N, C-alpha and C. Protein backbone atom coordinates (compact mmCIF):
# COMPACT_ATOMS: atom_id res chain seq x y z
N MET A 1 206.52 111.20 -129.16
CA MET A 1 206.06 112.51 -129.61
C MET A 1 206.71 113.58 -128.73
N ALA A 2 206.98 114.72 -129.31
CA ALA A 2 207.59 115.83 -128.59
C ALA A 2 206.74 117.08 -128.79
N LYS A 3 206.57 117.84 -127.73
CA LYS A 3 205.77 119.06 -127.80
C LYS A 3 206.66 120.26 -128.10
N TYR A 4 206.12 121.14 -128.94
CA TYR A 4 206.79 122.38 -129.31
C TYR A 4 205.81 123.53 -129.21
N LEU A 5 206.33 124.68 -128.86
CA LEU A 5 205.55 125.91 -128.82
C LEU A 5 205.93 126.75 -130.03
N LEU A 6 204.93 127.15 -130.81
CA LEU A 6 205.13 128.07 -131.93
C LEU A 6 204.65 129.43 -131.47
N LEU A 7 205.55 130.42 -131.44
CA LEU A 7 205.20 131.76 -130.98
C LEU A 7 205.15 132.72 -132.16
N LYS A 8 204.03 133.45 -132.25
CA LYS A 8 203.89 134.52 -133.23
C LYS A 8 204.11 135.83 -132.49
N HIS A 9 204.93 136.69 -133.04
CA HIS A 9 205.28 137.95 -132.39
C HIS A 9 204.63 139.14 -133.10
N TYR A 10 204.16 140.11 -132.31
CA TYR A 10 203.74 141.38 -132.90
C TYR A 10 204.97 142.13 -133.37
N ARG A 11 206.00 142.15 -132.54
CA ARG A 11 207.27 142.76 -132.89
C ARG A 11 208.34 142.12 -132.01
N GLY A 12 209.57 142.33 -132.39
CA GLY A 12 210.66 141.72 -131.64
C GLY A 12 211.31 140.61 -132.42
N ALA A 13 210.62 140.07 -133.40
CA ALA A 13 211.19 139.05 -134.28
C ALA A 13 211.70 139.75 -135.55
N PRO A 14 212.53 139.07 -136.33
CA PRO A 14 212.94 139.68 -137.61
C PRO A 14 211.70 140.01 -138.46
N ALA A 15 211.81 141.03 -139.28
CA ALA A 15 210.69 141.46 -140.11
C ALA A 15 210.27 140.37 -141.09
N ALA A 16 208.97 140.26 -141.28
CA ALA A 16 208.42 139.32 -142.26
C ALA A 16 208.63 139.87 -143.66
N VAL A 17 208.51 139.01 -144.66
CA VAL A 17 208.63 139.46 -146.06
C VAL A 17 207.49 140.42 -146.38
N ASN A 18 206.26 140.04 -146.07
CA ASN A 18 205.08 140.87 -146.29
C ASN A 18 204.80 141.59 -144.97
N ASP A 19 205.60 142.63 -144.70
CA ASP A 19 205.63 143.27 -143.38
C ASP A 19 204.68 144.46 -143.28
N VAL A 20 203.39 144.19 -143.43
CA VAL A 20 202.36 145.22 -143.30
C VAL A 20 201.62 144.93 -141.99
N PRO A 21 201.62 145.86 -141.03
CA PRO A 21 200.95 145.62 -139.75
C PRO A 21 199.47 145.26 -139.95
N MET A 22 198.98 144.34 -139.12
CA MET A 22 197.61 143.85 -139.27
C MET A 22 196.58 144.97 -139.16
N ASP A 23 196.87 146.05 -138.41
CA ASP A 23 195.89 147.13 -138.30
C ASP A 23 195.73 147.90 -139.61
N GLN A 24 196.55 147.57 -140.61
CA GLN A 24 196.43 148.19 -141.93
C GLN A 24 195.82 147.23 -142.96
N TRP A 25 195.43 146.03 -142.54
CA TRP A 25 194.81 145.07 -143.43
C TRP A 25 193.33 145.37 -143.57
N THR A 26 192.75 144.93 -144.68
CA THR A 26 191.31 145.05 -144.87
C THR A 26 190.61 143.96 -144.04
N PRO A 27 189.32 144.13 -143.77
CA PRO A 27 188.59 143.07 -143.05
C PRO A 27 188.67 141.72 -143.77
N GLU A 28 188.67 141.73 -145.10
CA GLU A 28 188.77 140.48 -145.87
C GLU A 28 190.13 139.82 -145.67
N GLU A 29 191.20 140.63 -145.60
CA GLU A 29 192.54 140.08 -145.39
C GLU A 29 192.66 139.48 -143.99
N ILE A 30 192.07 140.13 -143.01
CA ILE A 30 192.09 139.59 -141.64
C ILE A 30 191.31 138.29 -141.60
N SER A 31 190.14 138.25 -142.23
CA SER A 31 189.33 137.02 -142.26
C SER A 31 190.08 135.87 -142.92
N ALA A 32 190.77 136.16 -144.03
CA ALA A 32 191.54 135.12 -144.72
C ALA A 32 192.67 134.58 -143.84
N HIS A 33 193.32 135.47 -143.10
CA HIS A 33 194.40 135.07 -142.20
C HIS A 33 193.86 134.18 -141.08
N VAL A 34 192.78 134.60 -140.46
CA VAL A 34 192.18 133.84 -139.36
C VAL A 34 191.68 132.49 -139.87
N ARG A 35 191.10 132.47 -141.05
CA ARG A 35 190.61 131.22 -141.65
C ARG A 35 191.78 130.25 -141.90
N TYR A 36 192.90 130.78 -142.42
CA TYR A 36 194.08 129.95 -142.66
C TYR A 36 194.56 129.31 -141.36
N MET A 37 194.64 130.13 -140.31
CA MET A 37 195.09 129.63 -139.02
C MET A 37 194.14 128.54 -138.50
N GLY A 38 192.84 128.77 -138.62
CA GLY A 38 191.85 127.79 -138.18
C GLY A 38 191.92 126.50 -138.98
N ASP A 39 192.07 126.62 -140.30
CA ASP A 39 192.19 125.43 -141.15
C ASP A 39 193.45 124.65 -140.82
N PHE A 40 194.54 125.35 -140.55
CA PHE A 40 195.81 124.72 -140.18
C PHE A 40 195.63 123.92 -138.89
N ALA A 41 195.02 124.54 -137.88
CA ALA A 41 194.79 123.86 -136.60
C ALA A 41 193.86 122.66 -136.77
N ALA A 42 192.81 122.82 -137.57
CA ALA A 42 191.86 121.72 -137.78
C ALA A 42 192.54 120.53 -138.45
N ARG A 43 193.41 120.79 -139.40
CA ARG A 43 194.14 119.71 -140.07
C ARG A 43 195.03 118.97 -139.08
N LEU A 44 195.70 119.74 -138.19
CA LEU A 44 196.58 119.11 -137.20
C LEU A 44 195.78 118.37 -136.12
N GLU A 45 194.56 118.83 -135.85
CA GLU A 45 193.70 118.08 -134.92
C GLU A 45 193.42 116.68 -135.46
N LYS A 46 193.18 116.60 -136.78
CA LYS A 46 192.89 115.31 -137.41
C LYS A 46 194.08 114.36 -137.35
N THR A 47 195.30 114.88 -137.40
CA THR A 47 196.49 114.03 -137.35
C THR A 47 196.96 113.78 -135.91
N GLY A 48 196.31 114.45 -134.95
CA GLY A 48 196.70 114.31 -133.55
C GLY A 48 197.90 115.15 -133.16
N GLU A 49 198.30 116.11 -134.02
CA GLU A 49 199.48 116.93 -133.75
C GLU A 49 199.15 118.27 -133.08
N PHE A 50 197.89 118.67 -133.07
CA PHE A 50 197.49 119.93 -132.46
C PHE A 50 197.17 119.72 -130.99
N VAL A 51 197.74 120.56 -130.12
CA VAL A 51 197.45 120.49 -128.69
C VAL A 51 196.56 121.66 -128.29
N ASP A 52 196.97 122.90 -128.62
CA ASP A 52 196.20 124.08 -128.24
C ASP A 52 196.79 125.29 -128.94
N GLY A 53 196.06 126.37 -128.96
CA GLY A 53 196.55 127.62 -129.53
C GLY A 53 195.61 128.76 -129.22
N GLN A 54 196.16 129.95 -129.16
CA GLN A 54 195.36 131.15 -128.87
C GLN A 54 196.00 132.36 -129.51
N ALA A 55 195.18 133.31 -129.92
CA ALA A 55 195.66 134.63 -130.30
C ALA A 55 195.62 135.50 -129.05
N LEU A 56 196.56 136.42 -128.95
CA LEU A 56 196.64 137.29 -127.78
C LEU A 56 196.51 138.75 -128.20
N ALA A 57 195.89 139.56 -127.34
CA ALA A 57 195.80 141.01 -127.57
C ALA A 57 197.18 141.63 -127.38
N PRO A 58 197.45 142.76 -128.02
CA PRO A 58 198.77 143.38 -127.86
C PRO A 58 199.00 143.99 -126.49
N GLU A 59 197.95 144.24 -125.73
CA GLU A 59 198.10 144.83 -124.40
C GLU A 59 198.60 143.78 -123.42
N GLY A 60 199.35 144.21 -122.43
CA GLY A 60 199.81 143.30 -121.40
C GLY A 60 200.55 144.07 -120.32
N THR A 61 200.77 143.43 -119.21
CA THR A 61 201.44 144.06 -118.08
C THR A 61 202.41 143.06 -117.46
N PHE A 62 203.61 143.53 -117.12
CA PHE A 62 204.53 142.72 -116.34
C PHE A 62 204.16 142.86 -114.87
N VAL A 63 204.16 141.75 -114.14
CA VAL A 63 203.80 141.74 -112.73
C VAL A 63 204.90 140.99 -111.97
N ARG A 64 205.25 141.52 -110.77
CA ARG A 64 206.21 140.81 -109.93
C ARG A 64 205.81 140.95 -108.47
N TYR A 65 206.26 140.01 -107.68
CA TYR A 65 206.06 139.99 -106.24
C TYR A 65 206.88 141.12 -105.62
N ASP A 66 206.31 141.85 -104.65
CA ASP A 66 207.02 142.97 -104.04
C ASP A 66 207.19 142.82 -102.53
N GLY A 67 207.06 141.60 -102.02
CA GLY A 67 207.30 141.38 -100.61
C GLY A 67 206.04 141.05 -99.85
N GLU A 68 206.22 140.42 -98.71
CA GLU A 68 205.13 139.97 -97.86
C GLU A 68 204.21 141.13 -97.49
N GLY A 69 202.92 140.96 -97.74
CA GLY A 69 201.93 141.95 -97.35
C GLY A 69 201.84 143.16 -98.27
N ARG A 70 202.60 143.17 -99.32
CA ARG A 70 202.57 144.29 -100.26
C ARG A 70 201.91 143.85 -101.56
N PRO A 71 201.23 144.76 -102.24
CA PRO A 71 200.59 144.38 -103.50
C PRO A 71 201.65 144.13 -104.58
N PRO A 72 201.32 143.30 -105.57
CA PRO A 72 202.25 143.08 -106.67
C PRO A 72 202.57 144.40 -107.38
N VAL A 73 203.76 144.47 -107.93
CA VAL A 73 204.20 145.64 -108.70
C VAL A 73 203.87 145.37 -110.16
N THR A 74 203.35 146.38 -110.85
CA THR A 74 203.09 146.24 -112.28
C THR A 74 203.94 147.23 -113.05
N ASP A 75 204.23 146.88 -114.28
CA ASP A 75 205.06 147.71 -115.13
C ASP A 75 204.67 147.48 -116.57
N GLY A 76 204.45 148.55 -117.30
CA GLY A 76 204.24 148.43 -118.75
C GLY A 76 202.78 148.37 -119.12
N PRO A 77 202.53 147.96 -120.35
CA PRO A 77 203.53 147.50 -121.30
C PRO A 77 204.24 148.65 -122.00
N PHE A 78 205.38 148.34 -122.52
CA PHE A 78 206.14 149.31 -123.32
C PHE A 78 206.37 148.68 -124.68
N ALA A 79 205.39 148.83 -125.54
CA ALA A 79 205.42 148.15 -126.84
C ALA A 79 206.65 148.51 -127.66
N GLU A 80 207.18 149.70 -127.47
CA GLU A 80 208.34 150.10 -128.28
C GLU A 80 209.62 149.42 -127.84
N THR A 81 209.66 148.84 -126.67
CA THR A 81 210.90 148.22 -126.20
C THR A 81 210.75 146.76 -125.79
N LYS A 82 209.55 146.28 -125.59
CA LYS A 82 209.37 144.91 -125.15
C LYS A 82 208.72 144.08 -126.24
N ASP A 83 209.20 142.87 -126.37
CA ASP A 83 208.67 141.94 -127.35
C ASP A 83 207.25 141.57 -126.96
N LEU A 84 206.33 141.60 -127.91
CA LEU A 84 204.94 141.26 -127.64
C LEU A 84 204.57 139.99 -128.39
N ILE A 85 203.97 139.06 -127.72
CA ILE A 85 203.54 137.81 -128.33
C ILE A 85 202.14 137.99 -128.89
N ALA A 86 201.96 137.69 -130.18
CA ALA A 86 200.67 137.83 -130.84
C ALA A 86 199.79 136.60 -130.60
N GLY A 87 200.42 135.46 -130.46
CA GLY A 87 199.67 134.24 -130.25
C GLY A 87 200.62 133.06 -130.19
N TRP A 88 200.04 131.91 -129.91
CA TRP A 88 200.85 130.72 -129.78
C TRP A 88 200.05 129.50 -130.18
N MET A 89 200.79 128.45 -130.52
CA MET A 89 200.20 127.16 -130.82
C MET A 89 201.14 126.10 -130.26
N VAL A 90 200.57 125.10 -129.64
CA VAL A 90 201.35 123.98 -129.14
C VAL A 90 201.06 122.79 -130.05
N ILE A 91 202.14 122.18 -130.53
CA ILE A 91 202.01 121.00 -131.37
C ILE A 91 202.73 119.83 -130.70
N ASP A 92 202.32 118.63 -131.03
CA ASP A 92 202.92 117.42 -130.50
C ASP A 92 203.26 116.55 -131.70
N VAL A 93 204.54 116.49 -132.05
CA VAL A 93 204.97 115.86 -133.30
C VAL A 93 206.04 114.80 -133.05
N ASP A 94 206.32 114.01 -134.07
CA ASP A 94 207.28 112.92 -133.96
C ASP A 94 208.73 113.37 -133.98
N SER A 95 209.00 114.55 -134.54
CA SER A 95 210.40 114.94 -134.68
C SER A 95 210.54 116.46 -134.77
N TYR A 96 211.76 116.90 -134.52
CA TYR A 96 212.10 118.32 -134.70
C TYR A 96 211.87 118.73 -136.15
N GLU A 97 212.23 117.86 -137.07
CA GLU A 97 212.05 118.18 -138.50
C GLU A 97 210.59 118.43 -138.83
N ARG A 98 209.69 117.65 -138.26
CA ARG A 98 208.25 117.86 -138.49
C ARG A 98 207.82 119.18 -137.88
N ALA A 99 208.34 119.53 -136.71
CA ALA A 99 208.00 120.82 -136.09
C ALA A 99 208.45 121.97 -136.98
N VAL A 100 209.64 121.88 -137.55
CA VAL A 100 210.15 122.93 -138.45
C VAL A 100 209.27 123.01 -139.70
N GLU A 101 208.89 121.85 -140.23
CA GLU A 101 208.03 121.82 -141.42
C GLU A 101 206.71 122.54 -141.15
N LEU A 102 206.08 122.24 -140.01
CA LEU A 102 204.80 122.87 -139.68
C LEU A 102 204.95 124.36 -139.41
N ALA A 103 206.02 124.75 -138.72
CA ALA A 103 206.25 126.17 -138.48
C ALA A 103 206.41 126.92 -139.80
N GLY A 104 207.12 126.32 -140.74
CA GLY A 104 207.28 126.94 -142.05
C GLY A 104 205.96 127.10 -142.77
N GLU A 105 205.12 126.10 -142.66
CA GLU A 105 203.80 126.18 -143.29
C GLU A 105 202.94 127.25 -142.63
N LEU A 106 202.98 127.33 -141.32
CA LEU A 106 202.20 128.35 -140.61
C LEU A 106 202.70 129.75 -140.95
N SER A 107 203.97 129.88 -141.24
CA SER A 107 204.58 131.15 -141.61
C SER A 107 204.00 131.70 -142.91
N ALA A 108 203.39 130.85 -143.70
CA ALA A 108 202.85 131.25 -145.00
C ALA A 108 201.41 131.76 -144.91
N ALA A 109 200.88 131.98 -143.71
CA ALA A 109 199.51 132.50 -143.59
C ALA A 109 199.40 133.79 -144.40
N PRO A 110 198.26 134.02 -145.04
CA PRO A 110 198.13 135.23 -145.87
C PRO A 110 198.04 136.49 -145.03
N GLY A 111 198.51 137.56 -145.63
CA GLY A 111 198.45 138.88 -144.98
C GLY A 111 197.94 139.91 -145.97
N ALA A 112 198.57 141.07 -145.96
CA ALA A 112 198.15 142.16 -146.84
C ALA A 112 198.21 141.71 -148.30
N GLY A 113 197.18 142.06 -149.05
CA GLY A 113 197.11 141.70 -150.46
C GLY A 113 196.84 140.23 -150.68
N GLY A 114 196.55 139.48 -149.61
CA GLY A 114 196.31 138.05 -149.74
C GLY A 114 197.57 137.23 -149.95
N LYS A 115 198.73 137.89 -149.90
CA LYS A 115 200.00 137.20 -150.12
C LYS A 115 200.53 136.65 -148.80
N PRO A 116 201.28 135.54 -148.87
CA PRO A 116 201.83 134.97 -147.63
C PRO A 116 202.69 135.99 -146.88
N ILE A 117 202.60 135.94 -145.57
CA ILE A 117 203.37 136.86 -144.73
C ILE A 117 204.85 136.47 -144.73
N HIS A 118 205.12 135.18 -144.70
CA HIS A 118 206.50 134.68 -144.53
C HIS A 118 207.08 135.26 -143.25
N GLU A 119 206.27 135.22 -142.18
CA GLU A 119 206.74 135.74 -140.89
C GLU A 119 207.64 134.73 -140.21
N TRP A 120 208.49 135.24 -139.34
CA TRP A 120 209.33 134.38 -138.51
C TRP A 120 208.50 133.91 -137.33
N LEU A 121 208.52 132.62 -137.07
CA LEU A 121 207.87 132.06 -135.89
C LEU A 121 208.96 131.50 -134.99
N GLU A 122 208.80 131.69 -133.71
CA GLU A 122 209.75 131.14 -132.75
C GLU A 122 209.30 129.73 -132.40
N LEU A 123 210.18 128.77 -132.60
CA LEU A 123 209.91 127.37 -132.32
C LEU A 123 210.67 126.97 -131.07
N ARG A 124 209.94 126.60 -130.01
CA ARG A 124 210.56 126.28 -128.72
C ARG A 124 210.11 124.90 -128.26
N PRO A 125 211.05 123.99 -128.01
CA PRO A 125 210.66 122.69 -127.48
C PRO A 125 210.30 122.79 -126.00
N PHE A 126 209.36 121.96 -125.58
CA PHE A 126 209.07 121.83 -124.16
C PHE A 126 210.18 120.98 -123.55
N LEU A 127 210.53 121.23 -122.31
CA LEU A 127 211.49 120.37 -121.62
C LEU A 127 210.87 118.99 -121.45
N ALA A 128 211.66 117.97 -121.71
CA ALA A 128 211.16 116.60 -121.57
C ALA A 128 210.93 116.26 -120.10
N ALA A 129 211.76 116.86 -119.22
CA ALA A 129 211.62 116.64 -117.78
C ALA A 129 212.00 117.92 -117.08
N SER A 130 211.50 118.12 -115.91
CA SER A 130 211.86 119.31 -115.14
C SER A 130 213.33 119.25 -114.78
N PRO A 131 214.04 120.37 -114.91
CA PRO A 131 215.45 120.35 -114.53
C PRO A 131 215.59 120.21 -113.01
N THR A 132 216.66 119.60 -112.60
CA THR A 132 216.94 119.47 -111.18
C THR A 132 217.55 120.78 -110.69
N ILE A 133 216.94 121.36 -109.69
CA ILE A 133 217.42 122.64 -109.16
C ILE A 133 218.17 122.36 -107.87
N THR A 134 219.46 122.71 -107.86
CA THR A 134 220.26 122.49 -106.66
C THR A 134 220.36 123.75 -105.81
N GLU A 135 220.17 124.90 -106.43
CA GLU A 135 220.12 126.15 -105.67
C GLU A 135 219.24 127.12 -106.44
N CYS A 136 218.74 128.11 -105.77
CA CYS A 136 217.85 129.09 -106.38
C CYS A 136 218.66 129.97 -107.35
N PRO A 137 218.29 130.01 -108.65
CA PRO A 137 219.07 130.79 -109.61
C PRO A 137 218.93 132.30 -109.43
N HIS A 138 217.94 132.75 -108.68
CA HIS A 138 217.70 134.19 -108.52
C HIS A 138 218.12 134.71 -107.13
N GLY A 139 218.88 133.92 -106.40
CA GLY A 139 219.41 134.38 -105.11
C GLY A 139 218.52 134.20 -103.95
């Protein structure tokens, strides 16, 4: 089995076919979307392919280390220029083809008007093993 991360983007990915922002959906459309996602996860739990998943708020902050004894530096968010992750799901499947199949199915979650969004999902495999680091890549 191989683990894959399915990333849903608020923005930064190519536009979906049904490209109506969620803040313009009716409460019923939001409920239908959330129900679809829950049913999808429940089905994958039964097959043993679901690992975990969460929806994320659009707010966020970049944080970095600023030196010994100094507080971390924060920056953002800048929604107009930085890609925002809407949520994620981790699946554990037998093949890349199965991961693509499931991502395509998840892409069909309903949106505005109850029609499938056909959104782009980012499919990322987990590394099978940690890479060997011979020198620090950041200097």
